[in-house]
C-alpha atoms as a PDB file:
ATOM      1  CA  UNK A   1     -39.020-134.776 -92.173  1.00  0.00           C
ATOM      2  CA  UNK A   2     -41.089-136.857 -94.095  1.00  0.00           C
ATOM      3  CA  UNK A   3     -40.486-140.140 -94.311  1.00  0.00           C
ATOM      4  CA  UNK A   4     -39.065-139.967 -97.627  1.00  0.00           C
ATOM      5  CA  UNK A   5     -36.485-136.801 -96.705  1.00  0.00           C
ATOM      6  CA  UNK A   6     -35.327-139.484 -93.523  1.00  0.00           C
ATOM      7  CA  UNK A   7     -34.980-142.247 -95.795  1.00  0.00           C
ATOM      8  CA  UNK A   8     -32.715-140.327 -98.382  1.00  0.00           C
ATOM      9  CA  UNK A   9     -30.799-139.074 -94.839  1.00  0.00           C
ATOM     10  CA  UNK A  10     -30.204-142.366 -94.209  1.00  0.00           C
ATOM     11  CA  UNK A  11     -29.096-143.911 -97.428  1.00  0.00           C
ATOM     12  CA  UNK A  12     -26.588-140.505 -97.937  1.00  0.00           C
ATOM     13  CA  UNK A  13     -25.261-141.813 -94.433  1.00  0.00           C
ATOM     14  CA  UNK A  14     -24.620-144.738 -95.234  1.00  0.00           C
ATOM     15  CA  UNK A  15     -22.839-144.326 -98.040  1.00  0.00           C
ATOM     16  CA  UNK A  16     -20.226-141.867 -96.384  1.00  0.00           C
ATOM     17  CA  UNK A  17     -19.903-144.514 -93.816  1.00  0.00           C
ATOM     18  CA  UNK A  18     -19.246-147.208 -96.436  1.00  0.00           C
ATOM     19  CA  UNK A  19     -16.755-144.351 -97.866  1.00  0.00           C
ATOM     20  CA  UNK A  20     -14.725-143.648 -94.704  1.00  0.00           C
ATOM     21  CA  UNK A  21     -14.448-147.841 -94.583  1.00  0.00           C
ATOM     22  CA  UNK A  22     -13.234-148.199 -98.246  1.00  0.00           C
ATOM     23  CA  UNK A  23     -11.125-145.942 -98.728  1.00  0.00           C
ATOM     24  CA  UNK A  24      -9.407-146.595 -95.248  1.00  0.00           C
ATOM     25  CA  UNK A  25      -8.701-149.917 -96.730  1.00  0.00           C
ATOM     26  CA  UNK A  26      -7.995-149.263-100.221  1.00  0.00           C
ATOM     27  CA  UNK A  27      -6.568-145.980-100.762  1.00  0.00           C
ATOM     28  CA  UNK A  28      -8.348-142.759-102.366  1.00  0.00           C
ATOM     29  CA  UNK A  29      -6.180-144.132-105.760  1.00  0.00           C
ATOM     30  CA  UNK A  30      -7.591-147.450-105.844  1.00  0.00           C
ATOM     31  CA  UNK A  31     -11.096-146.725-104.782  1.00  0.00           C
ATOM     32  CA  UNK A  32     -14.130-146.521-107.410  1.00  0.00           C
ATOM     33  CA  UNK A  33     -17.842-145.664-106.349  1.00  0.00           C
ATOM     34  CA  UNK A  34     -18.748-148.963-107.718  1.00  0.00           C
ATOM     35  CA  UNK A  35     -16.683-150.170-104.323  1.00  0.00           C
ATOM     36  CA  UNK A  36     -18.405-147.884-102.028  1.00  0.00           C
ATOM     37  CA  UNK A  37     -21.590-148.974-103.913  1.00  0.00           C
ATOM     38  CA  UNK A  38     -20.947-152.392-102.918  1.00  0.00           C
ATOM     39  CA  UNK A  39     -20.390-151.497 -99.942  1.00  0.00           C
ATOM     40  CA  UNK A  40     -23.141-149.352 -98.974  1.00  0.00           C
ATOM     41  CA  UNK A  41     -25.774-151.842-101.058  1.00  0.00           C
ATOM     42  CA  UNK A  42     -26.611-149.017-103.181  1.00  0.00           C
ATOM     43  CA  UNK A  43     -26.372-148.666-107.376  1.00  0.00           C
ATOM     44  CA  UNK A  44     -23.477-146.612-108.048  1.00  0.00           C
ATOM     45  CA  UNK A  45     -25.930-144.478-109.647  1.00  0.00           C
ATOM     46  CA  UNK A  46     -27.068-143.094-106.002  1.00  0.00           C
ATOM     47  CA  UNK A  47     -23.658-142.461-105.281  1.00  0.00           C
ATOM     48  CA  UNK A  48     -23.275-140.271-108.359  1.00  0.00           C
ATOM     49  CA  UNK A  49     -26.193-138.610-107.425  1.00  0.00           C
ATOM     50  CA  UNK A  50     -25.615-137.709-103.929  1.00  0.00           C
ATOM     51  CA  UNK A  51     -21.714-137.149-104.590  1.00  0.00           C
ATOM     52  CA  UNK A  52     -20.932-136.578-107.780  1.00  0.00           C
ATOM     53  CA  UNK A  53     -17.065-137.806-107.651  1.00  0.00           C
ATOM     54  CA  UNK A  54     -14.766-139.441-106.041  1.00  0.00           C
ATOM     55  CA  UNK A  55     -12.417-136.162-104.932  1.00  0.00           C
ATOM     56  CA  UNK A  56     -16.025-135.281-104.061  1.00  0.00           C
ATOM     57  CA  UNK A  57     -16.772-138.049-101.923  1.00  0.00           C
ATOM     58  CA  UNK A  58     -14.082-138.460-100.444  1.00  0.00           C
ATOM     59  CA  UNK A  59     -13.723-135.152 -98.915  1.00  0.00           C
ATOM     60  CA  UNK A  60     -17.301-135.540 -97.779  1.00  0.00           C
ATOM     61  CA  UNK A  61     -16.177-138.574 -96.029  1.00  0.00           C
ATOM     62  CA  UNK A  62     -13.688-137.220 -94.556  1.00  0.00           C
ATOM     63  CA  UNK A  63     -15.972-134.494 -93.082  1.00  0.00           C
ATOM     64  CA  UNK A  64     -18.711-136.848 -91.552  1.00  0.00           C
ATOM     65  CA  UNK A  65     -16.063-138.834 -90.164  1.00  0.00           C
ATOM     66  CA  UNK A  66     -14.259-135.571 -88.209  1.00  0.00           C
ATOM     67  CA  UNK A  67     -17.834-134.883 -87.475  1.00  0.00           C
ATOM     68  CA  UNK A  68     -18.412-137.873 -85.427  1.00  0.00           C
ATOM     69  CA  UNK A  69     -15.259-137.493 -83.719  1.00  0.00           C
ATOM     70  CA  UNK A  70     -16.344-133.655 -82.479  1.00  0.00           C
ATOM     71  CA  UNK A  71     -19.394-134.575 -81.373  1.00  0.00           C
ATOM     72  CA  UNK A  72     -17.975-137.421 -79.267  1.00  0.00           C
ATOM     73  CA  UNK A  73     -15.240-135.312 -78.089  1.00  0.00           C
ATOM     74  CA  UNK A  74     -17.482-132.345 -77.489  1.00  0.00           C
ATOM     75  CA  UNK A  75     -19.678-134.715 -75.245  1.00  0.00           C
ATOM     76  CA  UNK A  76     -16.426-135.981 -73.203  1.00  0.00           C
ATOM     77  CA  UNK A  77     -14.997-132.793 -72.840  1.00  0.00           C
ATOM     78  CA  UNK A  78     -18.267-131.490 -71.371  1.00  0.00           C
ATOM     79  CA  UNK A  79     -17.528-133.882 -68.444  1.00  0.00           C
ATOM     80  CA  UNK A  80     -14.410-131.789 -67.932  1.00  0.00           C
ATOM     81  CA  UNK A  81     -13.844-128.903 -65.911  1.00  0.00           C
ATOM     82  CA  UNK A  82     -10.094-127.957 -66.365  1.00  0.00           C
ATOM     83  CA  UNK A  83      -8.414-126.562 -69.387  1.00  0.00           C
ATOM     84  CA  UNK A  84      -5.441-129.174 -69.063  1.00  0.00           C
ATOM     85  CA  UNK A  85      -7.786-131.774 -68.597  1.00  0.00           C
ATOM     86  CA  UNK A  86      -9.349-130.976 -71.946  1.00  0.00           C
ATOM     87  CA  UNK A  87      -6.001-130.807 -73.722  1.00  0.00           C
ATOM     88  CA  UNK A  88      -4.797-133.586 -72.452  1.00  0.00           C
ATOM     89  CA  UNK A  89      -8.043-135.431 -73.771  1.00  0.00           C
ATOM     90  CA  UNK A  90      -7.861-134.010 -77.022  1.00  0.00           C
ATOM     91  CA  UNK A  91      -4.403-134.998 -77.965  1.00  0.00           C
ATOM     92  CA  UNK A  92      -5.738-138.758 -76.589  1.00  0.00           C
ATOM     93  CA  UNK A  93      -8.455-138.640 -78.941  1.00  0.00           C
ATOM     94  CA  UNK A  94      -5.798-137.341 -81.731  1.00  0.00           C
ATOM     95  CA  UNK A  95      -2.648-139.311 -81.396  1.00  0.00           C
ATOM     96  CA  UNK A  96      -4.388-142.669 -82.787  1.00  0.00           C
ATOM     97  CA  UNK A  97      -3.621-145.208 -85.649  1.00  0.00           C
ATOM     98  CA  UNK A  98      -7.348-144.952 -86.529  1.00  0.00           C
ATOM     99  CA  UNK A  99      -9.539-148.397 -87.211  1.00  0.00           C
ATOM    100  CA  UNK A 100     -10.560-149.035 -90.918  1.00  0.00           C
ATOM    101  CA  UNK A 101     -13.516-151.209 -89.874  1.00  0.00           C
ATOM    102  CA  UNK A 102     -15.067-148.475 -87.660  1.00  0.00           C
ATOM    103  CA  UNK A 103     -16.281-145.045 -89.955  1.00  0.00           C
ATOM    104  CA  UNK A 104     -16.705-143.418 -86.863  1.00  0.00           C
ATOM    105  CA  UNK A 105     -13.404-143.425 -85.905  1.00  0.00           C
ATOM    106  CA  UNK A 106     -11.242-140.991 -88.323  1.00  0.00           C
ATOM    107  CA  UNK A 107      -7.979-142.570 -89.940  1.00  0.00           C
ATOM    108  CA  UNK A 108      -4.975-140.640 -90.481  1.00  0.00           C
ATOM    109  CA  UNK A 109      -4.802-142.249 -93.825  1.00  0.00           C
ATOM    110  CA  UNK A 110      -7.855-140.765 -94.702  1.00  0.00           C
ATOM    111  CA  UNK A 111      -6.056-137.510 -94.255  1.00  0.00           C
ATOM    112  CA  UNK A 112      -3.412-138.643 -96.239  1.00  0.00           C
ATOM    113  CA  UNK A 113      -5.328-138.755 -99.327  1.00  0.00           C
ATOM    114  CA  UNK A 114      -7.230-135.644 -98.521  1.00  0.00           C
ATOM    115  CA  UNK A 115      -4.056-133.671 -98.454  1.00  0.00           C
ATOM    116  CA  UNK A 116      -2.884-135.422-101.566  1.00  0.00           C
ATOM    117  CA  UNK A 117      -5.965-134.649-103.637  1.00  0.00           C
ATOM    118  CA  UNK A 118      -6.238-131.171-101.928  1.00  0.00           C
ATOM    119  CA  UNK A 119      -3.306-129.788-103.652  1.00  0.00           C
ATOM    120  CA  UNK A 120      -4.477-130.103-106.610  1.00  0.00           C
ATOM    121  CA  UNK A 121      -8.229-130.113-106.555  1.00  0.00           C
ATOM    122  CA  UNK A 122      -9.617-126.390-105.069  1.00  0.00           C
ATOM    123  CA  UNK A 123     -12.854-127.801-104.130  1.00  0.00           C
ATOM    124  CA  UNK A 124     -11.239-130.672-102.094  1.00  0.00           C
ATOM    125  CA  UNK A 125      -8.475-127.732-100.780  1.00  0.00           C
ATOM    126  CA  UNK A 126     -11.717-125.956 -99.117  1.00  0.00           C
ATOM    127  CA  UNK A 127     -12.759-129.211 -97.586  1.00  0.00           C
ATOM    128  CA  UNK A 128      -9.371-129.249 -96.374  1.00  0.00           C
ATOM    129  CA  UNK A 129      -8.901-125.584 -94.973  1.00  0.00           C
ATOM    130  CA  UNK A 130     -12.712-125.828 -93.511  1.00  0.00           C
ATOM    131  CA  UNK A 131     -11.723-128.865 -91.151  1.00  0.00           C
ATOM    132  CA  UNK A 132      -8.497-127.717 -90.111  1.00  0.00           C
ATOM    133  CA  UNK A 133      -9.952-124.753 -89.334  1.00  0.00           C
ATOM    134  CA  UNK A 134     -12.418-126.358 -86.624  1.00  0.00           C
ATOM    135  CA  UNK A 135      -9.598-127.901 -85.145  1.00  0.00           C
ATOM    136  CA  UNK A 136      -7.252-124.580 -84.879  1.00  0.00           C
ATOM    137  CA  UNK A 137     -10.579-123.411 -83.071  1.00  0.00           C
ATOM    138  CA  UNK A 138     -11.042-126.257 -80.879  1.00  0.00           C
ATOM    139  CA  UNK A 139      -7.537-126.262 -79.753  1.00  0.00           C
ATOM    140  CA  UNK A 140      -7.631-122.293 -79.403  1.00  0.00           C
ATOM    141  CA  UNK A 141     -10.598-122.729 -77.315  1.00  0.00           C
ATOM    142  CA  UNK A 142      -9.798-124.964 -74.670  1.00  0.00           C
ATOM    143  CA  UNK A 143      -5.735-122.915 -74.352  1.00  0.00           C
ATOM    144  CA  UNK A 144      -7.522-119.553 -74.158  1.00  0.00           C
ATOM    145  CA  UNK A 145      -9.734-121.164 -71.497  1.00  0.00           C
ATOM    146  CA  UNK A 146      -6.472-122.274 -69.282  1.00  0.00           C
ATOM    147  CA  UNK A 147      -5.016-118.792 -69.965  1.00  0.00           C
ATOM    148  CA  UNK A 148      -7.804-117.172 -68.399  1.00  0.00           C
ATOM    149  CA  UNK A 149      -8.014-119.756 -65.702  1.00  0.00           C
ATOM    150  CA  UNK A 150      -4.231-119.345 -64.838  1.00  0.00           C
ATOM    151  CA  UNK A 151      -3.864-123.321 -65.641  1.00  0.00           C
ATOM    152  CA  UNK A 152      -1.801-122.216 -68.598  1.00  0.00           C
ATOM    153  CA  UNK A 153       1.291-119.774 -68.270  1.00  0.00           C
ATOM    154  CA  UNK A 154       0.540-116.416 -71.286  1.00  0.00           C
ATOM    155  CA  UNK A 155       1.490-117.517 -74.403  1.00  0.00           C
ATOM    156  CA  UNK A 156       0.607-116.122 -78.061  1.00  0.00           C
ATOM    157  CA  UNK A 157      -2.198-118.627 -78.150  1.00  0.00           C
ATOM    158  CA  UNK A 158      -2.408-118.412 -82.345  1.00  0.00           C
ATOM    159  CA  UNK A 159       0.905-119.356 -82.631  1.00  0.00           C
ATOM    160  CA  UNK A 160       0.966-122.527 -80.129  1.00  0.00           C
ATOM    161  CA  UNK A 161      -2.281-123.629 -81.785  1.00  0.00           C
ATOM    162  CA  UNK A 162      -0.178-123.228 -85.384  1.00  0.00           C
ATOM    163  CA  UNK A 163       2.511-125.645 -83.486  1.00  0.00           C
ATOM    164  CA  UNK A 164       0.516-128.175 -82.099  1.00  0.00           C
ATOM    165  CA  UNK A 165      -1.357-128.858 -84.921  1.00  0.00           C
ATOM    166  CA  UNK A 166       1.399-128.783 -87.416  1.00  0.00           C
ATOM    167  CA  UNK A 167       3.127-131.460 -84.739  1.00  0.00           C
ATOM    168  CA  UNK A 168       0.134-133.611 -84.755  1.00  0.00           C
ATOM    169  CA  UNK A 169      -0.293-133.516 -88.226  1.00  0.00           C
ATOM    170  CA  UNK A 170       3.469-134.110 -88.881  1.00  0.00           C
ATOM    171  CA  UNK A 171       3.503-137.265 -86.378  1.00  0.00           C
ATOM    172  CA  UNK A 172       0.732-138.416 -87.834  1.00  0.00           C
ATOM    173  CA  UNK A 173       1.949-138.737 -90.752  1.00  0.00           C
ATOM    174  CA  UNK A 174       4.508-141.119 -89.548  1.00  0.00           C
ATOM    175  CA  UNK A 175       2.549-143.212 -87.855  1.00  0.00           C
ATOM    176  CA  UNK A 176      -0.126-143.812 -90.793  1.00  0.00           C
ATOM    177  CA  UNK A 177       3.050-144.926 -92.482  1.00  0.00           C
ATOM    178  CA  UNK A 178       3.760-147.479 -89.692  1.00  0.00           C
ATOM    179  CA  UNK A 179       7.247-145.820 -89.180  1.00  0.00           C
ATOM    180  CA  UNK A 180       8.985-147.904 -87.026  1.00  0.00           C
ATOM    181  CA  UNK A 181      10.258-145.179 -84.766  1.00  0.00           C
ATOM    182  CA  UNK A 182       7.108-143.393 -84.344  1.00  0.00           C
ATOM    183  CA  UNK A 183       3.864-145.073 -82.944  1.00  0.00           C
ATOM    184  CA  UNK A 184       0.739-143.717 -81.999  1.00  0.00           C
ATOM    185  CA  UNK A 185       2.098-143.554 -78.094  1.00  0.00           C
ATOM    186  CA  UNK A 186       4.874-141.914 -79.061  1.00  0.00           C
ATOM    187  CA  UNK A 187       3.348-139.224 -81.004  1.00  0.00           C
ATOM    188  CA  UNK A 188       0.822-138.918 -77.561  1.00  0.00           C
ATOM    189  CA  UNK A 189       4.130-138.409 -75.697  1.00  0.00           C
ATOM    190  CA  UNK A 190       5.708-135.710 -77.855  1.00  0.00           C
ATOM    191  CA  UNK A 191       2.942-133.999 -78.169  1.00  0.00           C
ATOM    192  CA  UNK A 192       2.069-134.227 -74.435  1.00  0.00           C
ATOM    193  CA  UNK A 193       5.501-132.753 -73.811  1.00  0.00           C
ATOM    194  CA  UNK A 194       5.630-129.998 -76.158  1.00  0.00           C
ATOM    195  CA  UNK A 195       2.162-128.761 -75.034  1.00  0.00           C
ATOM    196  CA  UNK A 196       2.949-129.108 -71.108  1.00  0.00           C
ATOM    197  CA  UNK A 197       6.510-127.420 -71.625  1.00  0.00           C
ATOM    198  CA  UNK A 198       4.763-124.370 -73.769  1.00  0.00           C
ATOM    199  CA  UNK A 199       1.873-123.924 -71.263  1.00  0.00           C
ATOM    200  CA  UNK A 200       3.397-124.472 -68.203  1.00  0.00           C
ATOM    201  CA  UNK A 201       1.844-127.613 -66.717  1.00  0.00           C
ATOM    202  CA  UNK A 202       2.352-131.005 -65.457  1.00  0.00           C
ATOM    203  CA  UNK A 203       2.314-134.199 -68.024  1.00  0.00           C
ATOM    204  CA  UNK A 204      -0.345-136.781 -66.193  1.00  0.00           C
ATOM    205  CA  UNK A 205       1.433-139.603 -65.120  1.00  0.00           C
ATOM    206  CA  UNK A 206       1.249-142.999 -67.214  1.00  0.00           C
ATOM    207  CA  UNK A 207      -1.127-145.447 -66.926  1.00  0.00           C
ATOM    208  CA  UNK A 208      -1.863-148.579 -69.288  1.00  0.00           C
ATOM    209  CA  UNK A 209      -2.779-148.425 -72.829  1.00  0.00           C
ATOM    210  CA  UNK A 210      -6.390-148.189 -72.760  1.00  0.00           C
ATOM    211  CA  UNK A 211      -8.905-149.371 -75.393  1.00  0.00           C
ATOM    212  CA  UNK A 212     -10.923-146.633 -75.629  1.00  0.00           C
ATOM    213  CA  UNK A 213     -12.632-146.107 -79.584  1.00  0.00           C
ATOM    214  CA  UNK A 214     -11.013-149.298 -80.727  1.00  0.00           C
ATOM    215  CA  UNK A 215      -7.463-148.421 -80.967  1.00  0.00           C
ATOM    216  CA  UNK A 216      -5.148-150.674 -78.623  1.00  0.00           C
ATOM    217  CA  UNK A 217      -2.251-149.142 -79.469  1.00  0.00           C
ATOM    218  CA  UNK A 218      -3.098-145.603 -78.782  1.00  0.00           C
ATOM    219  CA  UNK A 219      -3.716-143.258 -75.708  1.00  0.00           C
ATOM    220  CA  UNK A 220      -0.903-144.489 -73.778  1.00  0.00           C
ATOM    221  CA  UNK A 221      -1.096-141.573 -71.622  1.00  0.00           C
ATOM    222  CA  UNK A 222      -4.607-140.725 -69.397  1.00  0.00           C
ATOM    223  CA  UNK A 223      -5.298-137.899 -67.364  1.00  0.00           C
ATOM    224  CA  UNK A 224      -4.576-138.475 -63.699  1.00  0.00           C
END
């Protein structure tokens, strides 16, 4: 790749990283392209050149953050042999509050903004569909492996995936809004409880809260 092309890729990625941070803190409605440009140390014209509109920037920023999530998840899951451990770990990574200071950590606040915009913007809606499809395919792959190996009891994998994904999304709204009765730890406990009951595996024992991925209140359940 030519040096100029590498520089362009680096600039685009820095803008995306800055957009994740700014939108996570300010919210999409209060974020201007000038805010992202200032954070990234580039001109507003350059942000417009790469992304066009705030809506497009929001969708691509979340896609960027999601890609980082899957890259890390894939690397960690590759070290895990059993489907049970993989599913538990996926839920550990998902049942979080997010960290607006770290653009590599998907924030549920970004998803709240994306859902709101997607309902009225077909282009953003298509981004949302692809992100959800990727997540469901990830769950389906792990559950299919578990059923085939005998770790999980036979289920309708598509139905289970839709239910679990919807449960994660629904509880994540409460976590993102700082509901007094639903924090990240309880979200994880409820999701794990449902998955274990539906698939017929034992919920792993609890350990102390882990500090992984700079989310001190998340992932209180670890694989034994």
